[in-house]
Amino acid sequence: MTHDFAPVIGRAWDAAGGPAGLADAVTATGPRQVLPSVFDVTGLAVGSVAAATLAAAEFGTARGLGAERAVTVDSRAASAAFAAEALFTPVGWQRPEVWDPIAGNYQARDGWIRLHTNYAYHRAAVETVLASRDHGSASTRDSAVTRDSAVTRDTVAGAVATWQAADLEAAVVAAGGCAAALHPRPGWLASAAGAASAAAPPLRVAPPATGSFPAGSFDREPGGSRALPYAGIRVLDLTRVIAGPVATKFLAAYGADVLRIDPPGFAEVPAVLPETTAGKRTAFLDLRAAGDRVIFEGLVATADVLVAGLRADALGRLGYDDAALAALNPALIIATHNAYGWDGPWRDRRGFDSLVQMSCGIAAAGGQGAGKDRPVPLPVQALDHATGYFLAAAVGRALTRRHTEPAVSRVHGSLIGTANFLWSLPRPHDQPPRPAPGDFALADTATAWGPARRVPLPGSIAGMTPAWRVQAGPLGRHAPAWPAA
């Protein structure tokens, strides 16, 4: 292992619950710093990718794919993967912008706030709140947002300027939207939500539950091939946007049959779909409809893994908490993640990478390090991507455990836990120049929308060639069923 990356790879493997010493065999290549930041984002990328790749190699060995195989991670490739949605390049067609026009940072009366409006209903919540005249400001009559006016960044900026940041955050969240006021780290840790999540790790694995099922019972191998570690493993994907989809996309690349389920008509951020649906079948099911619930329960009963990226209590409200899922399938590995962790008043709060950065002090520290009186976020959505690779690592480790003993793991991850991990890493002494898009190698790919160039899967396992067997494409394009063996 390259000495400079050894500590962070070891810590990432420890976070995934990996056995001591196995991470020593990882080879890391490339420059120590690729992504410019006051935080060690490059180390986070290399460490989390290494953990996921090492877990896949470990499971492959457990399944009889040969002796331990060497794992290599290049820092440029891992850093490129953390910018995959930005680097994705359509060839001969266009995709929508990644960000909604009014999403972003705004200056309130007493500080900064970020509004997240990539989903239409989150944007509607922001517009409704900013059109309100009842927020206690003497200057509300000067707000430029009205319910019958065109909303632009300028009109939003004018309206936000009449609010206290904390008041606007609370109002948007109460209206069902997403927002985060800028906090320095001490202020965050002094808050109830910050104190509750201060010790949150990137992964929390509950003590495995034992069952009546036999160990080593993964016997579904499409085409009779076991060339890849996760061949024949069925993964039910209930994830959104980036973090969870990164995890399930990684599992798909190493052979898993991934089936993503969304409610009918769900409008995912369209710009990320060409990246996040690669390797996956996608289907619609309405979990409030009796017939679709029967289908869903049949999928759960025949799955090996369920990965969910919903709010903490969302599945429980639908009648599918961990106990209910275990009743349907005692052998099911459940891996879930949320934004603000699993303890405290914000455990069920809507959140995204950019908002967590604002809340927990990362964006404030970035501004301070840059000598600027404004938030400066990480150069990529690093909390999302790292959380995805951490989840993939935890699933791989859980599959190995499930293969060798009748024990099932329950995994909890969070963006705030990953943020805490990043905070704990030593800070870089200097920062490299910001990479240009042409600095990263891209590979040709086919999608349902047309040809494109994308970031290859980072990390490698000696003697294995990962591949996404299903083209990226729209949601709901497949039947809600596992592929025929």
Foldseek 3Di string as FASTA:
>chain_A
DPVLLVVLLQVLLVLLVHDPPLSVLEAEDEDQFAFFFQFSLLSLLQNLLSLLVQLQQLLLVLLPVDDRFGWYFYSQLSVQVLFFLVLWFFDPDDFDDLADQQFAWEAEQVAIKTFGCLDPQQVVLLLVVLQDQPQPFPCSVQQQRHPPDDDHNVSSNSSRHRHDRVSSQVSSQVSVHHMAAFDAQVVLCPDQLNVFCLQFAQKDKDFWDFDPDFAQPQDQAVPPDPQFSQASAEEEEAEADFQQLLQVLSSLLRHYAYEYEDAPPDDGSRSCLQPSCFQYHFAYADLVDPVSVVLVLVSLLPHAEYEHEAQPCVCVVSVDDPVNSCVSHVNYAYAYEYARDCDGDCSRGHDALVNLCRSNRVQVVRCVVVVHRHGDHGPGSSLRNSSSSSSSSSVSNQSSVRNVHRTYMYMYGYSSNSVSSRVPDDTDPGTDPNDDSVVADWDWDAAPVGIITTSDSTMDTPPHRGHRPDRRDDHRPDHSDGDDD
